[in-house]
Amino acid sequence: SISAMGWYRQAPGKQRELVARITRGGSINYVHSVKGRFT
């Protein structure tokens, strides 16, 4: 039933943000601040 999986993060005092996601079809997106560093 899963269409995508991803990683979020939440720092103290901040909202939870999407870090990276990969869809069932293999599409990937990253938050700008981690591009080139996270995979």
PDB file of all heavy atoms in Angstrom:
ATOM      1  N   SER A   1       0.807  -1.222   0.000  1.00  0.00           N
ATOM      2  CA  SER A   1       0.000   0.000   0.000  1.00  0.00           C
ATOM      3  C   SER A   1       0.842   1.275   0.000  1.00  0.00           C
ATOM      4  O   SER A   1       0.298   2.369  -0.140  1.00  0.00           O
ATOM      5  CB  SER A   1      -0.922   0.016   1.221  1.00  0.00           C
ATOM      6  OG  SER A   1      -0.178   0.198   2.415  1.00  0.00           O
ATOM      7  N   ILE A   2       2.147   1.123   0.140  1.00  0.00           N
ATOM      8  CA  ILE A   2       3.014   2.296   0.272  1.00  0.00           C
ATOM      9  C   ILE A   2       3.317   2.890  -1.103  1.00  0.00           C
ATOM     10  O   ILE A   2       3.774   2.193  -2.004  1.00  0.00           O
ATOM     11  CB  ILE A   2       4.333   1.916   0.972  1.00  0.00           C
ATOM     12  CG1 ILE A   2       4.051   1.428   2.394  1.00  0.00           C
ATOM     13  CG2 ILE A   2       5.277   3.112   0.997  1.00  0.00           C
ATOM     14  CD1 ILE A   2       5.283   0.876   3.094  1.00  0.00           C
ATOM     15  N   SER A   3       3.076   4.185  -1.253  1.00  0.00           N
ATOM     16  CA  SER A   3       3.369   4.855  -2.513  1.00  0.00           C
ATOM     17  C   SER A   3       4.687   5.623  -2.474  1.00  0.00           C
ATOM     18  O   SER A   3       5.267   5.911  -3.529  1.00  0.00           O
ATOM     19  CB  SER A   3       2.233   5.803  -2.897  1.00  0.00           C
ATOM     20  OG  SER A   3       2.061   6.785  -1.891  1.00  0.00           O
ATOM     21  N   ALA A   4       5.144   5.953  -1.294  1.00  0.00           N
ATOM     22  CA  ALA A   4       6.419   6.662  -1.161  1.00  0.00           C
ATOM     23  C   ALA A   4       6.922   6.500   0.263  1.00  0.00           C
ATOM     24  O   ALA A   4       6.121   6.326   1.202  1.00  0.00           O
ATOM     25  CB  ALA A   4       6.264   8.143  -1.489  1.00  0.00           C
ATOM     26  N   MET A   5       8.230   6.563   0.398  1.00  0.00           N
ATOM     27  CA  MET A   5       8.840   6.562   1.727  1.00  0.00           C
ATOM     28  C   MET A   5       9.833   7.697   1.807  1.00  0.00           C
ATOM     29  O   MET A   5      10.444   8.082   0.795  1.00  0.00           O
ATOM     30  CB  MET A   5       9.520   5.234   2.031  1.00  0.00           C
ATOM     31  CG  MET A   5       8.529   4.093   2.227  1.00  0.00           C
ATOM     32  SD  MET A   5       9.306   2.573   2.809  1.00  0.00           S
ATOM     33  CE  MET A   5       9.789   3.053   4.470  1.00  0.00           C
ATOM     34  N   GLY A   6       9.979   8.223   2.997  1.00  0.00           N
ATOM     35  CA  GLY A   6      10.873   9.352   3.131  1.00  0.00           C
ATOM     36  C   GLY A   6      11.369   9.543   4.543  1.00  0.00           C
ATOM     37  O   GLY A   6      11.021   8.780   5.452  1.00  0.00           O
ATOM     38  N   TRP A   7      12.189  10.544   4.675  1.00  0.00           N
ATOM     39  CA  TRP A   7      12.742  10.931   5.962  1.00  0.00           C
ATOM     40  C   TRP A   7      12.377  12.383   6.240  1.00  0.00           C
ATOM     41  O   TRP A   7      12.548  13.251   5.366  1.00  0.00           O
ATOM     42  CB  TRP A   7      14.258  10.780   5.971  1.00  0.00           C
ATOM     43  CG  TRP A   7      14.708   9.365   5.926  1.00  0.00           C
ATOM     44  CD1 TRP A   7      15.022   8.624   4.816  1.00  0.00           C
ATOM     45  CD2 TRP A   7      14.894   8.501   7.051  1.00  0.00           C
ATOM     46  NE1 TRP A   7      15.382   7.355   5.189  1.00  0.00           N
ATOM     47  CE2 TRP A   7      15.310   7.256   6.560  1.00  0.00           C
ATOM     48  CE3 TRP A   7      14.752   8.658   8.426  1.00  0.00           C
ATOM     49  CZ2 TRP A   7      15.591   6.175   7.396  1.00  0.00           C
ATOM     50  CZ3 TRP A   7      15.029   7.589   9.255  1.00  0.00           C
ATOM     51  CH2 TRP A   7      15.439   6.363   8.736  1.00  0.00           C
ATOM     52  N   TYR A   8      11.880  12.616   7.446  1.00  0.00           N
ATOM     53  CA  TYR A   8      11.611  13.948   7.938  1.00  0.00           C
ATOM     54  C   TYR A   8      12.531  14.192   9.135  1.00  0.00           C
ATOM     55  O   TYR A   8      13.074  13.249   9.707  1.00  0.00           O
ATOM     56  CB  TYR A   8      10.155  14.082   8.400  1.00  0.00           C
ATOM     57  CG  TYR A   8       9.148  14.170   7.294  1.00  0.00           C
ATOM     58  CD1 TYR A   8       8.866  13.067   6.492  1.00  0.00           C
ATOM     59  CD2 TYR A   8       8.438  15.348   7.058  1.00  0.00           C
ATOM     60  CE1 TYR A   8       7.919  13.143   5.478  1.00  0.00           C
ATOM     61  CE2 TYR A   8       7.484  15.436   6.053  1.00  0.00           C
ATOM     62  CZ  TYR A   8       7.226  14.326   5.262  1.00  0.00           C
ATOM     63  OH  TYR A   8       6.289  14.408   4.272  1.00  0.00           O
ATOM     64  N   ARG A   9      12.669  15.448   9.510  1.00  0.00           N
ATOM     65  CA  ARG A   9      13.408  15.762  10.728  1.00  0.00           C
ATOM     66  C   ARG A   9      12.743  16.927  11.449  1.00  0.00           C
ATOM     67  O   ARG A   9      12.072  17.754  10.837  1.00  0.00           O
ATOM     68  CB  ARG A   9      14.863  16.089  10.413  1.00  0.00           C
ATOM     69  CG  ARG A   9      15.082  17.365   9.606  1.00  0.00           C
ATOM     70  CD  ARG A   9      16.551  17.509   9.251  1.00  0.00           C
ATOM     71  NE  ARG A   9      16.803  18.713   8.463  1.00  0.00           N
ATOM     72  CZ  ARG A   9      17.974  19.003   7.900  1.00  0.00           C
ATOM     73  NH1 ARG A   9      19.016  18.164   8.045  1.00  0.00           N
ATOM     74  NH2 ARG A   9      18.114  20.114   7.217  1.00  0.00           N
ATOM     75  N   GLN A  10      12.960  16.925  12.744  1.00  0.00           N
ATOM     76  CA  GLN A  10      12.416  17.998  13.570  1.00  0.00           C
ATOM     77  C   GLN A  10      13.456  18.401  14.590  1.00  0.00           C
ATOM     78  O   GLN A  10      13.857  17.592  15.442  1.00  0.00           O
ATOM     79  CB  GLN A  10      11.122  17.570  14.259  1.00  0.00           C
ATOM     80  CG  GLN A  10      10.426  18.702  14.975  1.00  0.00           C
ATOM     81  CD  GLN A  10       9.006  18.360  15.365  1.00  0.00           C
ATOM     82  OE1 GLN A  10       8.615  17.188  15.429  1.00  0.00           O
ATOM     83  NE2 GLN A  10       8.203  19.382  15.611  1.00  0.00           N
ATOM     84  N   ALA A  11      13.888  19.644  14.475  1.00  0.00           N
ATOM     85  CA  ALA A  11      14.833  20.212  15.437  1.00  0.00           C
ATOM     86  C   ALA A  11      14.042  20.899  16.543  1.00  0.00           C
ATOM     87  O   ALA A  11      12.883  21.286  16.344  1.00  0.00           O
ATOM     88  CB  ALA A  11      15.750  21.202  14.733  1.00  0.00           C
ATOM     89  N   PRO A  12      14.643  21.078  17.711  1.00  0.00           N
ATOM     90  CA  PRO A  12      13.940  21.724  18.827  1.00  0.00           C
ATOM     91  C   PRO A  12      13.421  23.104  18.430  1.00  0.00           C
ATOM     92  O   PRO A  12      14.148  23.917  17.861  1.00  0.00           O
ATOM     93  CB  PRO A  12      15.027  21.833  19.898  1.00  0.00           C
ATOM     94  CG  PRO A  12      15.965  20.716  19.595  1.00  0.00           C
ATOM     95  CD  PRO A  12      15.984  20.613  18.107  1.00  0.00           C
ATOM     96  N   GLY A  13      12.150  23.332  18.692  1.00  0.00           N
ATOM     97  CA  GLY A  13      11.546  24.620  18.409  1.00  0.00           C
ATOM     98  C   GLY A  13      11.206  24.859  16.952  1.00  0.00           C
ATOM     99  O   GLY A  13      10.768  25.956  16.593  1.00  0.00           O
ATOM    100  N   LYS A  14      11.389  23.851  16.114  1.00  0.00           N
ATOM    101  CA  LYS A  14      11.112  24.003  14.689  1.00  0.00           C
ATOM    102  C   LYS A  14      10.061  22.999  14.238  1.00  0.00           C
ATOM    103  O   LYS A  14       9.811  21.992  14.886  1.00  0.00           O
ATOM    104  CB  LYS A  14      12.385  23.845  13.873  1.00  0.00           C
ATOM    105  CG  LYS A  14      13.420  24.929  14.124  1.00  0.00           C
ATOM    106  CD  LYS A  14      14.567  24.813  13.155  1.00  0.00           C
ATOM    107  CE  LYS A  14      15.558  25.949  13.349  1.00  0.00           C
ATOM    108  NZ  LYS A  14      16.690  25.863  12.382  1.00  0.00           N
ATOM    109  N   GLN A  15       9.468  23.295  13.085  1.00  0.00           N
ATOM    110  CA  GLN A  15       8.488  22.377  12.520  1.00  0.00           C
ATOM    111  C   GLN A  15       9.194  21.183  11.871  1.00  0.00           C
ATOM    112  O   GLN A  15      10.343  21.282  11.435  1.00  0.00           O
ATOM    113  CB  GLN A  15       7.634  23.108  11.478  1.00  0.00           C
ATOM    114  CG  GLN A  15       6.673  24.128  12.076  1.00  0.00           C
ATOM    115  CD  GLN A  15       5.712  24.671  11.039  1.00  0.00           C
ATOM    116  OE1 GLN A  15       6.029  24.717   9.863  1.00  0.00           O
ATOM    117  NE2 GLN A  15       4.530  25.051  11.475  1.00  0.00           N
ATOM    118  N   ARG A  16       8.473  20.100  11.800  1.00  0.00           N
ATOM    119  CA  ARG A  16       9.003  18.932  11.107  1.00  0.00           C
ATOM    120  C   ARG A  16       9.092  19.247   9.616  1.00  0.00           C
ATOM    121  O   ARG A  16       8.164  19.812   9.041  1.00  0.00           O
ATOM    122  CB  ARG A  16       8.093  17.724  11.354  1.00  0.00           C
ATOM    123  CG  ARG A  16       8.648  16.412  10.876  1.00  0.00           C
ATOM    124  CD  ARG A  16       7.756  15.250  11.298  1.00  0.00           C
ATOM    125  NE  ARG A  16       7.686  15.112  12.749  1.00  0.00           N
ATOM    126  CZ  ARG A  16       7.117  14.068  13.368  1.00  0.00           C
ATOM    127  NH1 ARG A  16       6.592  13.084  12.646  1.00  0.00           N
ATOM    128  NH2 ARG A  16       7.082  14.024  14.673  1.00  0.00           N
ATOM    129  N   GLU A  17      10.197  18.869   9.002  1.00  0.00           N
ATOM    130  CA  GLU A  17      10.385  19.147   7.586  1.00  0.00           C
ATOM    131  C   GLU A  17      10.789  17.877   6.837  1.00  0.00           C
ATOM    132  O   GLU A  17      11.468  17.007   7.385  1.00  0.00           O
ATOM    133  CB  GLU A  17      11.447  20.228   7.349  1.00  0.00           C
ATOM    134  CG  GLU A  17      12.862  19.831   7.723  1.00  0.00           C
ATOM    135  CD  GLU A  17      13.917  20.822   7.263  1.00  0.00           C
ATOM    136  OE1 GLU A  17      13.602  21.757   6.507  1.00  0.00           O
ATOM    137  OE2 GLU A  17      15.093  20.644   7.657  1.00  0.00           O
ATOM    138  N   LEU A  18      10.353  17.823   5.590  1.00  0.00           N
ATOM    139  CA  LEU A  18      10.755  16.714   4.729  1.00  0.00           C
ATOM    140  C   LEU A  18      12.227  16.884   4.349  1.00  0.00           C
ATOM    141  O   LEU A  18      12.630  17.949   3.891  1.00  0.00           O
ATOM    142  CB  LEU A  18       9.892  16.691   3.477  1.00  0.00           C
ATOM    143  CG  LEU A  18      10.277  15.664   2.408  1.00  0.00           C
ATOM    144  CD1 LEU A  18      10.097  14.247   2.916  1.00  0.00           C
ATOM    145  CD2 LEU A  18       9.462  15.893   1.134  1.00  0.00           C
ATOM    146  N   VAL A  19      12.994  15.826   4.521  1.00  0.00           N
ATOM    147  CA  VAL A  19      14.407  15.838   4.159  1.00  0.00           C
ATOM    148  C   VAL A  19      14.612  15.193   2.786  1.00  0.00           C
ATOM    149  O   VAL A  19      15.271  15.759   1.915  1.00  0.00           O
ATOM    150  CB  VAL A  19      15.244  15.097   5.210  1.00  0.00           C
ATOM    151  CG1 VAL A  19      16.709  15.044   4.786  1.00  0.00           C
ATOM    152  CG2 VAL A  19      15.105  15.757   6.572  1.00  0.00           C
ATOM    153  N   ALA A  20      14.037  14.022   2.606  1.00  0.00           N
ATOM    154  CA  ALA A  20      14.195  13.295   1.343  1.00  0.00           C
ATOM    155  C   ALA A  20      13.058  12.300   1.200  1.00  0.00           C
ATOM    156  O   ALA A  20      12.555  11.775   2.203  1.00  0.00           O
ATOM    157  CB  ALA A  20      15.534  12.567   1.293  1.00  0.00           C
ATOM    158  N   ARG A  21      12.682  12.039  -0.049  1.00  0.00           N
ATOM    159  CA  ARG A  21      11.595  11.101  -0.303  1.00  0.00           C
ATOM    160  C   ARG A  21      11.884  10.342  -1.589  1.00  0.00           C
ATOM    161  O   ARG A  21      12.433  10.899  -2.533  1.00  0.00           O
ATOM    162  CB  ARG A  21      10.262  11.836  -0.436  1.00  0.00           C
ATOM    163  CG  ARG A  21       9.096  10.931  -0.846  1.00  0.00           C
ATOM    164  CD  ARG A  21       7.817  11.732  -0.986  1.00  0.00           C
ATOM    165  NE  ARG A  21       7.301  12.131   0.310  1.00  0.00           N
ATOM    166  CZ  ARG A  21       6.452  13.140   0.473  1.00  0.00           C
ATOM    167  NH1 ARG A  21       6.060  13.865  -0.549  1.00  0.00           N
ATOM    168  NH2 ARG A  21       6.015  13.437   1.682  1.00  0.00           N
ATOM    169  N   ILE A  22      11.492   9.078  -1.580  1.00  0.00           N
ATOM    170  CA  ILE A  22      11.604   8.258  -2.780  1.00  0.00           C
ATOM    171  C   ILE A  22      10.246   7.601  -3.026  1.00  0.00           C
ATOM    172  O   ILE A  22       9.649   7.027  -2.111  1.00  0.00           O
ATOM    173  CB  ILE A  22      12.732   7.203  -2.650  1.00  0.00           C
ATOM    174  CG1 ILE A  22      12.875   6.398  -3.930  1.00  0.00           C
ATOM    175  CG2 ILE A  22      12.547   6.285  -1.438  1.00  0.00           C
ATOM    176  CD1 ILE A  22      14.163   5.560  -3.973  1.00  0.00           C
ATOM    177  N   THR A  23       9.759   7.715  -4.236  1.00  0.00           N
ATOM    178  CA  THR A  23       8.450   7.159  -4.549  1.00  0.00           C
ATOM    179  C   THR A  23       8.570   5.713  -5.006  1.00  0.00           C
ATOM    180  O   THR A  23       9.668   5.216  -5.288  1.00  0.00           O
ATOM    181  CB  THR A  23       7.742   7.964  -5.647  1.00  0.00           C
ATOM    182  OG1 THR A  23       8.447   7.754  -6.884  1.00  0.00           O
ATOM    183  CG2 THR A  23       7.710   9.444  -5.306  1.00  0.00           C
ATOM    184  N   ARG A  24       7.430   5.051  -5.120  1.00  0.00           N
ATOM    185  CA  ARG A  24       7.415   3.674  -5.596  1.00  0.00           C
ATOM    186  C   ARG A  24       8.061   3.581  -6.975  1.00  0.00           C
ATOM    187  O   ARG A  24       8.731   2.618  -7.305  1.00  0.00           O
ATOM    188  CB  ARG A  24       5.984   3.151  -5.649  1.00  0.00           C
ATOM    189  CG  ARG A  24       5.846   1.702  -6.126  1.00  0.00           C
ATOM    190  CD  ARG A  24       4.397   1.342  -6.270  1.00  0.00           C
ATOM    191  NE  ARG A  24       3.694   1.391  -4.997  1.00  0.00           N
ATOM    192  CZ  ARG A  24       2.361   1.390  -4.894  1.00  0.00           C
ATOM    193  NH1 ARG A  24       1.612   1.379  -5.975  1.00  0.00           N
ATOM    194  NH2 ARG A  24       1.797   1.413  -3.710  1.00  0.00           N
ATOM    195  N   GLY A  25       7.854   4.619  -7.781  1.00  0.00           N
ATOM    196  CA  GLY A  25       8.407   4.622  -9.126  1.00  0.00           C
ATOM    197  C   GLY A  25       9.872   5.013  -9.185  1.00  0.00           C
ATOM    198  O   GLY A  25      10.484   4.977 -10.258  1.00  0.00           O
ATOM    199  N   GLY A  26      10.434   5.405  -8.050  1.00  0.00           N
ATOM    200  CA  GLY A  26      11.853   5.723  -8.008  1.00  0.00           C
ATOM    201  C   GLY A  26      12.183   7.206  -8.075  1.00  0.00           C
ATOM    202  O   GLY A  26      13.361   7.579  -8.076  1.00  0.00           O
ATOM    203  N   SER A  27      11.179   8.049  -8.138  1.00  0.00           N
ATOM    204  CA  SER A  27      11.445   9.484  -8.133  1.00  0.00           C
ATOM    205  C   SER A  27      11.942   9.911  -6.752  1.00  0.00           C
ATOM    206  O   SER A  27      11.435   9.442  -5.733  1.00  0.00           O
ATOM    207  CB  SER A  27      10.181  10.261  -8.495  1.00  0.00           C
ATOM    208  OG  SER A  27       9.778   9.962  -9.808  1.00  0.00           O
ATOM    209  N   ILE A  28      12.916  10.802  -6.755  1.00  0.00           N
ATOM    210  CA  ILE A  28      13.553  11.235  -5.515  1.00  0.00           C
ATOM    211  C   ILE A  28      13.543  12.750  -5.437  1.00  0.00           C
ATOM    212  O   ILE A  28      13.755  13.435  -6.455  1.00  0.00           O
ATOM    213  CB  ILE A  28      15.004  10.719  -5.441  1.00  0.00           C
ATOM    214  CG1 ILE A  28      15.018   9.192  -5.264  1.00  0.00           C
ATOM    215  CG2 ILE A  28      15.754  11.385  -4.298  1.00  0.00           C
ATOM    216  CD1 ILE A  28      16.407   8.591  -5.343  1.00  0.00           C
ATOM    217  N   ASN A  29      13.283  13.253  -4.263  1.00  0.00           N
ATOM    218  CA  ASN A  29      13.455  14.683  -4.047  1.00  0.00           C
ATOM    219  C   ASN A  29      14.060  14.929  -2.669  1.00  0.00           C
ATOM    220  O   ASN A  29      13.903  14.114  -1.749  1.00  0.00           O
ATOM    221  CB  ASN A  29      12.148  15.455  -4.229  1.00  0.00           C
ATOM    222  CG  ASN A  29      11.079  15.061  -3.249  1.00  0.00           C
ATOM    223  OD1 ASN A  29      10.492  14.005  -3.358  1.00  0.00           O
ATOM    224  ND2 ASN A  29      10.818  15.928  -2.276  1.00  0.00           N
ATOM    225  N   TYR A  30      14.787  16.036  -2.583  1.00  0.00           N
ATOM    226  CA  TYR A  30      15.481  16.429  -1.358  1.00  0.00           C
ATOM    227  C   TYR A  30      15.142  17.871  -1.003  1.00  0.00           C
ATOM    228  O   TYR A  30      14.904  18.703  -1.896  1.00  0.00           O
ATOM    229  CB  TYR A  30      17.003  16.354  -1.545  1.00  0.00           C
ATOM    230  CG  TYR A  30      17.557  14.990  -1.853  1.00  0.00           C
ATOM    231  CD1 TYR A  30      17.818  14.610  -3.170  1.00  0.00           C
ATOM    232  CD2 TYR A  30      17.846  14.090  -0.835  1.00  0.00           C
ATOM    233  CE1 TYR A  30      18.328  13.365  -3.464  1.00  0.00           C
ATOM    234  CE2 TYR A  30      18.366  12.840  -1.117  1.00  0.00           C
ATOM    235  CZ  TYR A  30      18.603  12.486  -2.435  1.00  0.00           C
ATOM    236  OH  TYR A  30      19.119  11.251  -2.719  1.00  0.00           O
ATOM    237  N   VAL A  31      15.184  18.160   0.279  1.00  0.00           N
ATOM    238  CA  VAL A  31      15.135  19.553   0.679  1.00  0.00           C
ATOM    239  C   VAL A  31      16.442  20.195   0.244  1.00  0.00           C
ATOM    240  O   VAL A  31      17.502  19.544   0.227  1.00  0.00           O
ATOM    241  CB  VAL A  31      14.918  19.687   2.206  1.00  0.00           C
ATOM    242  CG1 VAL A  31      16.117  19.189   2.990  1.00  0.00           C
ATOM    243  CG2 VAL A  31      14.580  21.117   2.575  1.00  0.00           C
ATOM    244  N   HIS A  32      16.391  21.470  -0.120  1.00  0.00           N
ATOM    245  CA  HIS A  32      17.551  22.127  -0.717  1.00  0.00           C
ATOM    246  C   HIS A  32      18.786  22.049   0.167  1.00  0.00           C
ATOM    247  O   HIS A  32      19.903  21.863  -0.334  1.00  0.00           O
ATOM    248  CB  HIS A  32      17.214  23.587  -1.017  1.00  0.00           C
ATOM    249  CG  HIS A  32      18.361  24.356  -1.595  1.00  0.00           C
ATOM    250  ND1 HIS A  32      18.776  24.192  -2.903  1.00  0.00           N
ATOM    251  CD2 HIS A  32      19.186  25.263  -1.037  1.00  0.00           C
ATOM    252  CE1 HIS A  32      19.808  24.992  -3.126  1.00  0.00           C
ATOM    253  NE2 HIS A  32      20.073  25.655  -2.012  1.00  0.00           N
ATOM    254  N   SER A  33      18.592  22.149   1.470  1.00  0.00           N
ATOM    255  CA  SER A  33      19.733  22.243   2.385  1.00  0.00           C
ATOM    256  C   SER A  33      20.570  20.969   2.467  1.00  0.00           C
ATOM    257  O   SER A  33      21.694  21.010   2.985  1.00  0.00           O
ATOM    258  CB  SER A  33      19.252  22.626   3.785  1.00  0.00           C
ATOM    259  OG  SER A  33      18.348  21.652   4.281  1.00  0.00           O
ATOM    260  N   VAL A  34      20.062  19.847   1.962  1.00  0.00           N
ATOM    261  CA  VAL A  34      20.829  18.601   2.049  1.00  0.00           C
ATOM    262  C   VAL A  34      21.278  18.093   0.692  1.00  0.00           C
ATOM    263  O   VAL A  34      21.986  17.081   0.617  1.00  0.00           O
ATOM    264  CB  VAL A  34      20.033  17.497   2.783  1.00  0.00           C
ATOM    265  CG1 VAL A  34      19.525  17.998   4.127  1.00  0.00           C
ATOM    266  CG2 VAL A  34      18.896  16.949   1.932  1.00  0.00           C
ATOM    267  N   LYS A  35      20.891  18.762  -0.359  1.00  0.00           N
ATOM    268  CA  LYS A  35      21.270  18.304  -1.702  1.00  0.00           C
ATOM    269  C   LYS A  35      22.791  18.251  -1.836  1.00  0.00           C
ATOM    270  O   LYS A  35      23.490  19.177  -1.444  1.00  0.00           O
ATOM    271  CB  LYS A  35      20.677  19.229  -2.759  1.00  0.00           C
ATOM    272  CG  LYS A  35      19.189  19.040  -2.970  1.00  0.00           C
ATOM    273  CD  LYS A  35      18.667  19.953  -4.073  1.00  0.00           C
ATOM    274  CE  LYS A  35      17.178  19.732  -4.298  1.00  0.00           C
ATOM    275  NZ  LYS A  35      16.638  20.632  -5.344  1.00  0.00           N
ATOM    276  N   GLY A  36      23.271  17.157  -2.394  1.00  0.00           N
ATOM    277  CA  GLY A  36      24.705  16.963  -2.549  1.00  0.00           C
ATOM    278  C   GLY A  36      25.375  16.362  -1.332  1.00  0.00           C
ATOM    279  O   GLY A  36      26.544  15.972  -1.405  1.00  0.00           O
ATOM    280  N   ARG A  37      24.677  16.295  -0.215  1.00  0.00           N
ATOM    281  CA  ARG A  37      25.256  15.729   1.005  1.00  0.00           C
ATOM    282  C   ARG A  37      24.538  14.455   1.453  1.00  0.00           C
ATOM    283  O   ARG A  37      25.160  13.545   1.982  1.00  0.00           O
ATOM    284  CB  ARG A  37      25.198  16.751   2.142  1.00  0.00           C
ATOM    285  CG  ARG A  37      25.933  18.035   1.868  1.00  0.00           C
ATOM    286  CD  ARG A  37      26.024  18.918   3.116  1.00  0.00           C
ATOM    287  NE  ARG A  37      24.711  19.350   3.583  1.00  0.00           N
ATOM    288  CZ  ARG A  37      24.236  19.083   4.802  1.00  0.00           C
ATOM    289  NH1 ARG A  37      24.950  18.396   5.666  1.00  0.00           N
ATOM    290  NH2 ARG A  37      23.034  19.536   5.167  1.00  0.00           N
ATOM    291  N   PHE A  38      23.235  14.401   1.266  1.00  0.00           N
ATOM    292  CA  PHE A  38      22.427  13.257   1.690  1.00  0.00           C
ATOM    293  C   PHE A  38      21.973  12.471   0.471  1.00  0.00           C
ATOM    294  O   PHE A  38      21.710  13.041  -0.596  1.00  0.00           O
ATOM    295  CB  PHE A  38      21.193  13.706   2.450  1.00  0.00           C
ATOM    296  CG  PHE A  38      21.441  14.311   3.808  1.00  0.00           C
ATOM    297  CD1 PHE A  38      22.710  14.667   4.239  1.00  0.00           C
ATOM    298  CD2 PHE A  38      20.367  14.526   4.676  1.00  0.00           C
ATOM    299  CE1 PHE A  38      22.929  15.216   5.488  1.00  0.00           C
ATOM    300  CE2 PHE A  38      20.564  15.078   5.932  1.00  0.00           C
ATOM    301  CZ  PHE A  38      21.845  15.423   6.320  1.00  0.00           C
ATOM    302  N   THR A  39      21.853  11.165   0.653  1.00  0.00           N
ATOM    303  CA  THR A  39      21.360  10.304  -0.412  1.00  0.00           C
ATOM    304  C   THR A  39      20.343   9.328   0.151  1.00  0.00           C
ATOM    305  O   THR A  39      20.639   8.606   1.112  1.00  0.00           O
ATOM    306  CB  THR A  39      22.507   9.511  -1.064  1.00  0.00           C
ATOM    307  OG1 THR A  39      23.492  10.414  -1.567  1.00  0.00           O
ATOM    308  CG2 THR A  39      21.979   8.652  -2.209  1.00  0.00           C
TER     309      THR A  39
END
